[in-house]
Every structure is written in structure tokens, then in C-alpha cells.
Amino acid sequence: GIFGKNTENAMKSMVCKKRLIGYKYPNLTKFVQK
């Protein structure tokens, strides 16, 4: 539950966006959709 360097790096690298093939981060996408 702490926003540290590892969480920050994950946020930077795990971008949720529309992709042409498949959905790279389905659980993060659900988090965003909520």
C-alpha cells in the first residue's frame, strides 16, 4: 500500500492503452475501467 520507487516504475512502464492485438494488462485495465 506504499507508493515507492518500484510501484512508481511499474506505473511508468505498465501503460494501459488501446492495442491492435490483445490486451497486455487486463487486470490493470479493469482497475482503470472501475
Full PDB file with SEQRES, HELIX, SHEET, SSBOND, CRYST1, ORIGX, SCALE, CONECT and MASTER records, all heavy atoms in Angstrom:
SEQRES   1 A   34  GLY ILE PHE GLY LYS ASN THR GLU ASN ALA MET LYS SER          
SEQRES   2 A   34  MET VAL CYS LYS LYS ARG LEU ILE GLY TYR LYS TYR PRO          
SEQRES   3 A   34  ASN LEU THR LYS PHE VAL GLN LYS                              
HELIX    1 AA1 LYS A    5  SER A   13  1                                   9    
HELIX    2 AA2 PRO A   26  GLN A   33  1                                   8    
CRYST1    1.000    1.000    1.000  90.00  90.00  90.00 P 1           1          
ORIGX1      1.000000  0.000000  0.000000        0.00000                         
ORIGX2      0.000000  1.000000  0.000000        0.00000                         
ORIGX3      0.000000  0.000000  1.000000        0.00000                         
SCALE1      1.000000  0.000000  0.000000        0.00000                         
SCALE2      0.000000  1.000000  0.000000        0.00000                         
SCALE3      0.000000  0.000000  1.000000        0.00000                         
ATOM      1  N   GLY A   1       0.791  -1.223   0.000  1.00  0.00           N  
ATOM      2  CA  GLY A   1       0.000   0.000   0.000  1.00  0.00           C  
ATOM      3  C   GLY A   1       0.822   1.271   0.000  1.00  0.00           C  
ATOM      4  O   GLY A   1       0.292   2.363   0.150  1.00  0.00           O  
ATOM      5  N   ILE A   2       2.133   1.140  -0.194  1.00  0.00           N  
ATOM      6  CA  ILE A   2       3.031   2.297  -0.166  1.00  0.00           C  
ATOM      7  C   ILE A   2       3.467   2.630  -1.586  1.00  0.00           C  
ATOM      8  O   ILE A   2       3.860   1.749  -2.353  1.00  0.00           O  
ATOM      9  CB  ILE A   2       4.259   2.013   0.717  1.00  0.00           C  
ATOM     10  CG1 ILE A   2       3.812   1.766   2.157  1.00  0.00           C  
ATOM     11  CG2 ILE A   2       5.266   3.156   0.633  1.00  0.00           C  
ATOM     12  CD1 ILE A   2       4.918   1.271   3.064  1.00  0.00           C  
ATOM     13  N   PHE A   3       3.408   3.908  -1.916  1.00  0.00           N  
ATOM     14  CA  PHE A   3       3.872   4.359  -3.228  1.00  0.00           C  
ATOM     15  C   PHE A   3       5.373   4.600  -3.143  1.00  0.00           C  
ATOM     16  O   PHE A   3       5.833   5.643  -2.733  1.00  0.00           O  
ATOM     17  CB  PHE A   3       3.147   5.633  -3.660  1.00  0.00           C  
ATOM     18  CG  PHE A   3       3.618   6.147  -4.997  1.00  0.00           C  
ATOM     19  CD1 PHE A   3       3.251   5.484  -6.162  1.00  0.00           C  
ATOM     20  CD2 PHE A   3       4.429   7.253  -5.092  1.00  0.00           C  
ATOM     21  CE1 PHE A   3       3.684   5.940  -7.398  1.00  0.00           C  
ATOM     22  CE2 PHE A   3       4.866   7.725  -6.324  1.00  0.00           C  
ATOM     23  CZ  PHE A   3       4.496   7.061  -7.478  1.00  0.00           C  
ATOM     24  N   GLY A   4       6.130   3.578  -3.525  1.00  0.00           N  
ATOM     25  CA  GLY A   4       7.582   3.658  -3.514  1.00  0.00           C  
ATOM     26  C   GLY A   4       8.136   3.605  -4.921  1.00  0.00           C  
ATOM     27  O   GLY A   4       7.398   3.647  -5.910  1.00  0.00           O  
ATOM     28  N   LYS A   5       9.445   3.493  -5.012  1.00  0.00           N  
ATOM     29  CA  LYS A   5      10.131   3.510  -6.309  1.00  0.00           C  
ATOM     30  C   LYS A   5       9.682   2.370  -7.218  1.00  0.00           C  
ATOM     31  O   LYS A   5       9.483   2.574  -8.413  1.00  0.00           O  
ATOM     32  CB  LYS A   5      11.650   3.448  -6.078  1.00  0.00           C  
ATOM     33  CG  LYS A   5      12.449   3.837  -7.278  1.00  0.00           C  
ATOM     34  CD  LYS A   5      12.244   5.297  -7.583  1.00  0.00           C  
ATOM     35  CE  LYS A   5      13.167   5.767  -8.686  1.00  0.00           C  
ATOM     36  NZ  LYS A   5      12.800   7.099  -9.158  1.00  0.00           N  
ATOM     37  N   ASN A   6       9.513   1.160  -6.667  1.00  0.00           N  
ATOM     38  CA  ASN A   6       9.096   0.025  -7.505  1.00  0.00           C  
ATOM     39  C   ASN A   6       7.694   0.223  -8.067  1.00  0.00           C  
ATOM     40  O   ASN A   6       7.433  -0.083  -9.226  1.00  0.00           O  
ATOM     41  CB  ASN A   6       9.178  -1.284  -6.719  1.00  0.00           C  
ATOM     42  CG  ASN A   6      10.605  -1.690  -6.436  1.00  0.00           C  
ATOM     43  OD1 ASN A   6      11.528  -1.306  -7.150  1.00  0.00           O  
ATOM     44  ND2 ASN A   6      10.802  -2.461  -5.388  1.00  0.00           N  
ATOM     45  N   THR A   7       6.789   0.736  -7.239  1.00  0.00           N  
ATOM     46  CA  THR A   7       5.427   0.999  -7.719  1.00  0.00           C  
ATOM     47  C   THR A   7       5.454   2.101  -8.772  1.00  0.00           C  
ATOM     48  O   THR A   7       4.789   1.998  -9.801  1.00  0.00           O  
ATOM     49  CB  THR A   7       4.502   1.381  -6.547  1.00  0.00           C  
ATOM     50  OG1 THR A   7       4.474   0.294  -5.616  1.00  0.00           O  
ATOM     51  CG2 THR A   7       3.086   1.668  -7.028  1.00  0.00           C  
ATOM     52  N   GLU A   8       6.229   3.138  -8.527  1.00  0.00           N  
ATOM     53  CA  GLU A   8       6.353   4.229  -9.499  1.00  0.00           C  
ATOM     54  C   GLU A   8       6.888   3.710 -10.836  1.00  0.00           C  
ATOM     55  O   GLU A   8       6.360   4.053 -11.898  1.00  0.00           O  
ATOM     56  CB  GLU A   8       7.271   5.320  -8.955  1.00  0.00           C  
ATOM     57  CG  GLU A   8       7.417   6.497  -9.901  1.00  0.00           C  
ATOM     58  CD  GLU A   8       8.292   7.599  -9.336  1.00  0.00           C  
ATOM     59  OE1 GLU A   8       9.034   7.369  -8.359  1.00  0.00           O  
ATOM     60  OE2 GLU A   8       8.242   8.710  -9.893  1.00  0.00           O  
ATOM     61  N   ASN A   9       7.905   2.868 -10.792  1.00  0.00           N  
ATOM     62  CA  ASN A   9       8.461   2.308 -12.028  1.00  0.00           C  
ATOM     63  C   ASN A   9       7.442   1.446 -12.760  1.00  0.00           C  
ATOM     64  O   ASN A   9       7.373   1.470 -13.987  1.00  0.00           O  
ATOM     65  CB  ASN A   9       9.732   1.516 -11.729  1.00  0.00           C  
ATOM     66  CG  ASN A   9      10.897   2.407 -11.372  1.00  0.00           C  
ATOM     67  OD1 ASN A   9      10.933   3.584 -11.718  1.00  0.00           O  
ATOM     68  ND2 ASN A   9      11.861   1.855 -10.653  1.00  0.00           N  
ATOM     69  N   ALA A  10       6.641   0.680 -12.011  1.00  0.00           N  
ATOM     70  CA  ALA A  10       5.592  -0.130 -12.642  1.00  0.00           C  
ATOM     71  C   ALA A  10       4.569   0.772 -13.316  1.00  0.00           C  
ATOM     72  O   ALA A  10       4.130   0.497 -14.435  1.00  0.00           O  
ATOM     73  CB  ALA A  10       4.920  -1.034 -11.613  1.00  0.00           C  
ATOM     74  N   MET A  11       4.192   1.868 -12.649  1.00  0.00           N  
ATOM     75  CA  MET A  11       3.232   2.804 -13.244  1.00  0.00           C  
ATOM     76  C   MET A  11       3.780   3.393 -14.546  1.00  0.00           C  
ATOM     77  O   MET A  11       3.039   3.606 -15.491  1.00  0.00           O  
ATOM     78  CB  MET A  11       2.892   3.925 -12.265  1.00  0.00           C  
ATOM     79  CG  MET A  11       1.981   3.515 -11.159  1.00  0.00           C  
ATOM     80  SD  MET A  11       1.641   4.932 -10.077  1.00  0.00           S  
ATOM     81  CE  MET A  11       0.432   4.213  -8.979  1.00  0.00           C  
ATOM     82  N   LYS A  12       5.062   3.666 -14.567  1.00  0.00           N  
ATOM     83  CA  LYS A  12       5.677   4.243 -15.766  1.00  0.00           C  
ATOM     84  C   LYS A  12       5.711   3.251 -16.923  1.00  0.00           C  
ATOM     85  O   LYS A  12       5.555   3.635 -18.081  1.00  0.00           O  
ATOM     86  CB  LYS A  12       7.100   4.708 -15.460  1.00  0.00           C  
ATOM     87  CG  LYS A  12       7.170   5.946 -14.613  1.00  0.00           C  
ATOM     88  CD  LYS A  12       8.623   6.308 -14.324  1.00  0.00           C  
ATOM     89  CE  LYS A  12       8.725   7.529 -13.428  1.00  0.00           C  
ATOM     90  NZ  LYS A  12      10.126   7.826 -13.063  1.00  0.00           N  
ATOM     91  N   SER A  13       5.941   1.980 -16.601  1.00  0.00           N  
ATOM     92  CA  SER A  13       6.134   1.003 -17.670  1.00  0.00           C  
ATOM     93  C   SER A  13       4.869   0.257 -18.082  1.00  0.00           C  
ATOM     94  O   SER A  13       4.781  -0.240 -19.200  1.00  0.00           O  
ATOM     95  CB  SER A  13       7.203  -0.014 -17.257  1.00  0.00           C  
ATOM     96  OG  SER A  13       6.746  -0.808 -16.182  1.00  0.00           O  
ATOM     97  N   MET A  14       3.883   0.167 -17.203  1.00  0.00           N  
ATOM     98  CA  MET A  14       2.687  -0.616 -17.489  1.00  0.00           C  
ATOM     99  C   MET A  14       1.552   0.289 -17.954  1.00  0.00           C  
ATOM    100  O   MET A  14       0.526   0.432 -17.313  1.00  0.00           O  
ATOM    101  CB  MET A  14       2.283  -1.442 -16.264  1.00  0.00           C  
ATOM    102  CG  MET A  14       3.365  -2.421 -15.833  1.00  0.00           C  
ATOM    103  SD  MET A  14       2.945  -3.389 -14.373  1.00  0.00           S  
ATOM    104  CE  MET A  14       2.019  -4.733 -15.145  1.00  0.00           C  
ATOM    105  N   VAL A  15       1.738   0.884 -19.108  1.00  0.00           N  
ATOM    106  CA  VAL A  15       0.752   1.815 -19.667  1.00  0.00           C  
ATOM    107  C   VAL A  15      -0.435   1.032 -20.213  1.00  0.00           C  
ATOM    108  O   VAL A  15      -0.265   0.076 -20.967  1.00  0.00           O  
ATOM    109  CB  VAL A  15       1.391   2.666 -20.779  1.00  0.00           C  
ATOM    110  CG1 VAL A  15       0.368   3.587 -21.428  1.00  0.00           C  
ATOM    111  CG2 VAL A  15       2.564   3.471 -20.225  1.00  0.00           C  
ATOM    112  N   CYS A  16      -1.634   1.439 -19.814  1.00  0.00           N  
ATOM    113  CA  CYS A  16      -2.863   0.839 -20.347  1.00  0.00           C  
ATOM    114  C   CYS A  16      -3.349   1.707 -21.492  1.00  0.00           C  
ATOM    115  O   CYS A  16      -3.569   2.906 -21.327  1.00  0.00           O  
ATOM    116  CB  CYS A  16      -3.943   0.756 -19.274  1.00  0.00           C  
ATOM    117  SG  CYS A  16      -3.761  -0.650 -18.189  1.00  0.00           S  
ATOM    118  N   LYS A  17      -3.493   1.083 -22.647  1.00  0.00           N  
ATOM    119  CA  LYS A  17      -3.977   1.814 -23.812  1.00  0.00           C  
ATOM    120  C   LYS A  17      -4.584   0.831 -24.790  1.00  0.00           C  
ATOM    121  O   LYS A  17      -4.446  -0.379 -24.649  1.00  0.00           O  
ATOM    122  CB  LYS A  17      -2.837   2.591 -24.467  1.00  0.00           C  
ATOM    123  CG  LYS A  17      -1.708   1.719 -24.999  1.00  0.00           C  
ATOM    124  CD  LYS A  17      -0.601   2.575 -25.572  1.00  0.00           C  
ATOM    125  CE  LYS A  17       0.552   1.713 -26.068  1.00  0.00           C  
ATOM    126  NZ  LYS A  17       1.610   2.533 -26.640  1.00  0.00           N  
ATOM    127  N   LYS A  18      -5.244   1.390 -25.783  1.00  0.00           N  
ATOM    128  CA  LYS A  18      -5.841   0.551 -26.818  1.00  0.00           C  
ATOM    129  C   LYS A  18      -4.721  -0.028 -27.662  1.00  0.00           C  
ATOM    130  O   LYS A  18      -3.821   0.678 -28.084  1.00  0.00           O  
ATOM    131  CB  LYS A  18      -6.799   1.369 -27.681  1.00  0.00           C  
ATOM    132  CG  LYS A  18      -7.554   0.509 -28.642  1.00  0.00           C  
ATOM    133  CD  LYS A  18      -8.686   1.225 -29.290  1.00  0.00           C  
ATOM    134  CE  LYS A  18      -9.405   0.212 -30.145  1.00  0.00           C  
ATOM    135  NZ  LYS A  18     -10.018   0.749 -31.283  1.00  0.00           N  
ATOM    136  N   ARG A  19      -4.777  -1.317 -27.874  1.00  0.00           N  
ATOM    137  CA  ARG A  19      -3.758  -2.016 -28.667  1.00  0.00           C  
ATOM    138  C   ARG A  19      -4.425  -2.713 -29.851  1.00  0.00           C  
ATOM    139  O   ARG A  19      -5.599  -3.055 -29.794  1.00  0.00           O  
ATOM    140  CB  ARG A  19      -3.044  -3.051 -27.797  1.00  0.00           C  
ATOM    141  CG  ARG A  19      -2.325  -2.411 -26.632  1.00  0.00           C  
ATOM    142  CD  ARG A  19      -1.661  -3.470 -25.761  1.00  0.00           C  
ATOM    143  NE  ARG A  19      -1.098  -2.877 -24.574  1.00  0.00           N  
ATOM    144  CZ  ARG A  19       0.090  -2.284 -24.515  1.00  0.00           C  
ATOM    145  NH1 ARG A  19       0.826  -2.183 -25.581  1.00  0.00           N  
ATOM    146  NH2 ARG A  19       0.529  -1.774 -23.386  1.00  0.00           N  
ATOM    147  N   LEU A  20      -3.654  -2.920 -30.880  1.00  0.00           N  
ATOM    148  CA  LEU A  20      -4.195  -3.581 -32.061  1.00  0.00           C  
ATOM    149  C   LEU A  20      -4.427  -5.071 -31.837  1.00  0.00           C  
ATOM    150  O   LEU A  20      -5.383  -5.633 -32.323  1.00  0.00           O  
ATOM    151  CB  LEU A  20      -3.253  -3.380 -33.256  1.00  0.00           C  
ATOM    152  CG  LEU A  20      -3.089  -1.937 -33.714  1.00  0.00           C  
ATOM    153  CD1 LEU A  20      -2.066  -1.868 -34.850  1.00  0.00           C  
ATOM    154  CD2 LEU A  20      -4.418  -1.355 -34.171  1.00  0.00           C  
ATOM    155  N   ILE A  21      -3.524  -5.703 -31.101  1.00  0.00           N  
ATOM    156  CA  ILE A  21      -3.646  -7.141 -30.878  1.00  0.00           C  
ATOM    157  C   ILE A  21      -3.616  -7.426 -29.386  1.00  0.00           C  
ATOM    158  O   ILE A  21      -2.639  -7.138 -28.706  1.00  0.00           O  
ATOM    159  CB  ILE A  21      -2.497  -7.910 -31.560  1.00  0.00           C  
ATOM    160  CG1 ILE A  21      -2.506  -7.631 -33.059  1.00  0.00           C  
ATOM    161  CG2 ILE A  21      -2.599  -9.400 -31.283  1.00  0.00           C  
ATOM    162  CD1 ILE A  21      -1.324  -8.191 -33.805  1.00  0.00           C  
ATOM    163  N   GLY A  22      -4.695  -7.979 -28.865  1.00  0.00           N  
ATOM    164  CA  GLY A  22      -4.742  -8.403 -27.471  1.00  0.00           C  
ATOM    165  C   GLY A  22      -4.730  -7.274 -26.462  1.00  0.00           C  
ATOM    166  O   GLY A  22      -4.678  -6.103 -26.812  1.00  0.00           O  
ATOM    167  N   TYR A  23      -4.789  -7.635 -25.221  1.00  0.00           N  
ATOM    168  CA  TYR A  23      -4.810  -6.685 -24.122  1.00  0.00           C  
ATOM    169  C   TYR A  23      -3.709  -7.081 -23.156  1.00  0.00           C  
ATOM    170  O   TYR A  23      -3.787  -8.109 -22.501  1.00  0.00           O  
ATOM    171  CB  TYR A  23      -6.187  -6.661 -23.455  1.00  0.00           C  
ATOM    172  CG  TYR A  23      -7.231  -6.245 -24.450  1.00  0.00           C  
ATOM    173  CD1 TYR A  23      -7.966  -7.189 -25.151  1.00  0.00           C  
ATOM    174  CD2 TYR A  23      -7.411  -4.911 -24.760  1.00  0.00           C  
ATOM    175  CE1 TYR A  23      -8.886  -6.804 -26.110  1.00  0.00           C  
ATOM    176  CE2 TYR A  23      -8.326  -4.521 -25.716  1.00  0.00           C  
ATOM    177  CZ  TYR A  23      -9.056  -5.479 -26.390  1.00  0.00           C  
ATOM    178  OH  TYR A  23      -9.939  -5.086 -27.338  1.00  0.00           O  
ATOM    179  N   LYS A  24      -2.675  -6.280 -23.108  1.00  0.00           N  
ATOM    180  CA  LYS A  24      -1.474  -6.633 -22.371  1.00  0.00           C  
ATOM    181  C   LYS A  24      -1.685  -6.681 -20.859  1.00  0.00           C  
ATOM    182  O   LYS A  24      -1.092  -7.499 -20.183  1.00  0.00           O  
ATOM    183  CB  LYS A  24      -0.374  -5.629 -22.725  1.00  0.00           C  
ATOM    184  CG  LYS A  24       0.989  -6.042 -22.264  1.00  0.00           C  
ATOM    185  CD  LYS A  24       2.049  -5.173 -22.890  1.00  0.00           C  
ATOM    186  CE  LYS A  24       3.423  -5.650 -22.495  1.00  0.00           C  
ATOM    187  NZ  LYS A  24       4.475  -4.888 -23.105  1.00  0.00           N  
ATOM    188  N   TYR A  25      -2.506  -5.793 -20.319  1.00  0.00           N  
ATOM    189  CA  TYR A  25      -2.702  -5.699 -18.873  1.00  0.00           C  
ATOM    190  C   TYR A  25      -4.184  -5.748 -18.518  1.00  0.00           C  
ATOM    191  O   TYR A  25      -4.774  -4.732 -18.145  1.00  0.00           O  
ATOM    192  CB  TYR A  25      -2.065  -4.415 -18.342  1.00  0.00           C  
ATOM    193  CG  TYR A  25      -0.604  -4.266 -18.692  1.00  0.00           C  
ATOM    194  CD1 TYR A  25      -0.156  -3.215 -19.476  1.00  0.00           C  
ATOM    195  CD2 TYR A  25       0.326  -5.191 -18.228  1.00  0.00           C  
ATOM    196  CE1 TYR A  25       1.190  -3.089 -19.792  1.00  0.00           C  
ATOM    197  CE2 TYR A  25       1.670  -5.068 -18.544  1.00  0.00           C  
ATOM    198  CZ  TYR A  25       2.093  -4.008 -19.327  1.00  0.00           C  
ATOM    199  OH  TYR A  25       3.424  -3.890 -19.635  1.00  0.00           O  
ATOM    200  N   PRO A  26      -4.821  -6.910 -18.592  1.00  0.00           N  
ATOM    201  CA  PRO A  26      -6.265  -6.982 -18.348  1.00  0.00           C  
ATOM    202  C   PRO A  26      -6.678  -6.585 -16.937  1.00  0.00           C  
ATOM    203  O   PRO A  26      -7.733  -5.976 -16.749  1.00  0.00           O  
ATOM    204  CB  PRO A  26      -6.624  -8.433 -18.656  1.00  0.00           C  
ATOM    205  CG  PRO A  26      -5.348  -9.189 -18.525  1.00  0.00           C  
ATOM    206  CD  PRO A  26      -4.262  -8.230 -18.916  1.00  0.00           C  
ATOM    207  N   ASN A  27      -5.872  -6.901 -15.924  1.00  0.00           N  
ATOM    208  CA  ASN A  27      -6.250  -6.554 -14.553  1.00  0.00           C  
ATOM    209  C   ASN A  27      -6.082  -5.067 -14.280  1.00  0.00           C  
ATOM    210  O   ASN A  27      -6.908  -4.460 -13.605  1.00  0.00           O  
ATOM    211  CB  ASN A  27      -5.467  -7.413 -13.564  1.00  0.00           C  
ATOM    212  CG  ASN A  27      -5.861  -8.866 -13.695  1.00  0.00           C  
ATOM    213  OD1 ASN A  27      -6.956  -9.253 -13.336  1.00  0.00           O  
ATOM    214  ND2 ASN A  27      -4.982  -9.669 -14.261  1.00  0.00           N  
ATOM    215  N   LEU A  28      -5.031  -4.476 -14.827  1.00  0.00           N  
ATOM    216  CA  LEU A  28      -4.885  -3.020 -14.709  1.00  0.00           C  
ATOM    217  C   LEU A  28      -5.982  -2.319 -15.509  1.00  0.00           C  
ATOM    218  O   LEU A  28      -6.482  -1.276 -15.090  1.00  0.00           O  
ATOM    219  CB  LEU A  28      -3.505  -2.573 -15.181  1.00  0.00           C  
ATOM    220  CG  LEU A  28      -2.377  -2.807 -14.188  1.00  0.00           C  
ATOM    221  CD1 LEU A  28      -1.023  -2.497 -14.814  1.00  0.00           C  
ATOM    222  CD2 LEU A  28      -2.571  -1.978 -12.931  1.00  0.00           C  
ATOM    223  N   THR A  29      -6.364  -2.895 -16.640  1.00  0.00           N  
ATOM    224  CA  THR A  29      -7.449  -2.314 -17.429  1.00  0.00           C  
ATOM    225  C   THR A  29      -8.744  -2.326 -16.627  1.00  0.00           C  
ATOM    226  O   THR A  29      -9.477  -1.323 -16.605  1.00  0.00           O  
ATOM    227  CB  THR A  29      -7.611  -3.062 -18.764  1.00  0.00           C  
ATOM    228  OG1 THR A  29      -6.394  -2.923 -19.513  1.00  0.00           O  
ATOM    229  CG2 THR A  29      -8.765  -2.504 -19.579  1.00  0.00           C  
ATOM    230  N   LYS A  30      -9.028  -3.414 -15.911  1.00  0.00           N  
ATOM    231  CA  LYS A  30     -10.220  -3.445 -15.049  1.00  0.00           C  
ATOM    232  C   LYS A  30     -10.132  -2.385 -13.957  1.00  0.00           C  
ATOM    233  O   LYS A  30     -11.127  -1.744 -13.623  1.00  0.00           O  
ATOM    234  CB  LYS A  30     -10.386  -4.835 -14.424  1.00  0.00           C  
ATOM    235  CG  LYS A  30     -10.826  -5.891 -15.396  1.00  0.00           C  
ATOM    236  CD  LYS A  30     -10.916  -7.249 -14.712  1.00  0.00           C  
ATOM    237  CE  LYS A  30     -11.221  -8.353 -15.690  1.00  0.00           C  
ATOM    238  NZ  LYS A  30     -11.252  -9.669 -15.037  1.00  0.00           N  
ATOM    239  N   PHE A  31      -8.951  -2.213 -13.389  1.00  0.00           N  
ATOM    240  CA  PHE A  31      -8.713  -1.189 -12.372  1.00  0.00           C  
ATOM    241  C   PHE A  31      -9.041   0.201 -12.928  1.00  0.00           C  
ATOM    242  O   PHE A  31      -9.731   0.994 -12.292  1.00  0.00           O  
ATOM    243  CB  PHE A  31      -7.239  -1.289 -11.937  1.00  0.00           C  
ATOM    244  CG  PHE A  31      -6.717  -0.175 -11.095  1.00  0.00           C  
ATOM    245  CD1 PHE A  31      -7.123  -0.029  -9.777  1.00  0.00           C  
ATOM    246  CD2 PHE A  31      -5.778   0.713 -11.595  1.00  0.00           C  
ATOM    247  CE1 PHE A  31      -6.611   0.989  -8.980  1.00  0.00           C  
ATOM    248  CE2 PHE A  31      -5.260   1.726 -10.812  1.00  0.00           C  
ATOM    249  CZ  PHE A  31      -5.689   1.863  -9.507  1.00  0.00           C  
ATOM    250  N   VAL A  32      -8.595   0.461 -14.148  1.00  0.00           N  
ATOM    251  CA  VAL A  32      -8.866   1.739 -14.816  1.00  0.00           C  
ATOM    252  C   VAL A  32     -10.353   1.858 -15.143  1.00  0.00           C  
ATOM    253  O   VAL A  32     -10.972   2.909 -14.915  1.00  0.00           O  
ATOM    254  CB  VAL A  32      -8.006   1.876 -16.090  1.00  0.00           C  
ATOM    255  CG1 VAL A  32      -8.457   3.046 -16.945  1.00  0.00           C  
ATOM    256  CG2 VAL A  32      -6.527   1.998 -15.722  1.00  0.00           C  
ATOM    257  N   GLN A  33     -10.939   0.800 -15.675  1.00  0.00           N  
ATOM    258  CA  GLN A  33     -12.354   0.836 -16.055  1.00  0.00           C  
ATOM    259  C   GLN A  33     -13.235   1.143 -14.853  1.00  0.00           C  
ATOM    260  O   GLN A  33     -14.203   1.905 -14.973  1.00  0.00           O  
ATOM    261  CB  GLN A  33     -12.756  -0.496 -16.697  1.00  0.00           C  
ATOM    262  CG  GLN A  33     -12.153  -0.679 -18.079  1.00  0.00           C  
ATOM    263  CD  GLN A  33     -12.335  -2.070 -18.644  1.00  0.00           C  
ATOM    264  OE1 GLN A  33     -12.292  -3.063 -17.916  1.00  0.00           O  
ATOM    265  NE2 GLN A  33     -12.509  -2.155 -19.959  1.00  0.00           N  
ATOM    266  N   LYS A  34     -12.909   0.590 -13.712  1.00  0.00           N  
ATOM    267  CA  LYS A  34     -13.660   0.881 -12.491  1.00  0.00           C  
ATOM    268  C   LYS A  34     -13.580   2.366 -12.159  1.00  0.00           C  
ATOM    269  O   LYS A  34     -14.577   2.998 -11.824  1.00  0.00           O  
ATOM    270  CB  LYS A  34     -13.107   0.047 -11.337  1.00  0.00           C  
ATOM    271  CG  LYS A  34     -13.816   0.260 -10.028  1.00  0.00           C  
ATOM    272  CD  LYS A  34     -13.227  -0.638  -8.953  1.00  0.00           C  
ATOM    273  CE  LYS A  34     -13.923  -0.423  -7.620  1.00  0.00           C  
ATOM    274  NZ  LYS A  34     -13.340  -1.282  -6.569  1.00  0.00           N  
TER     275      LYS A  34                                                      
MASTER        0    0    0    2    0    0    0    6  274    1    0    3          
END                                                                             
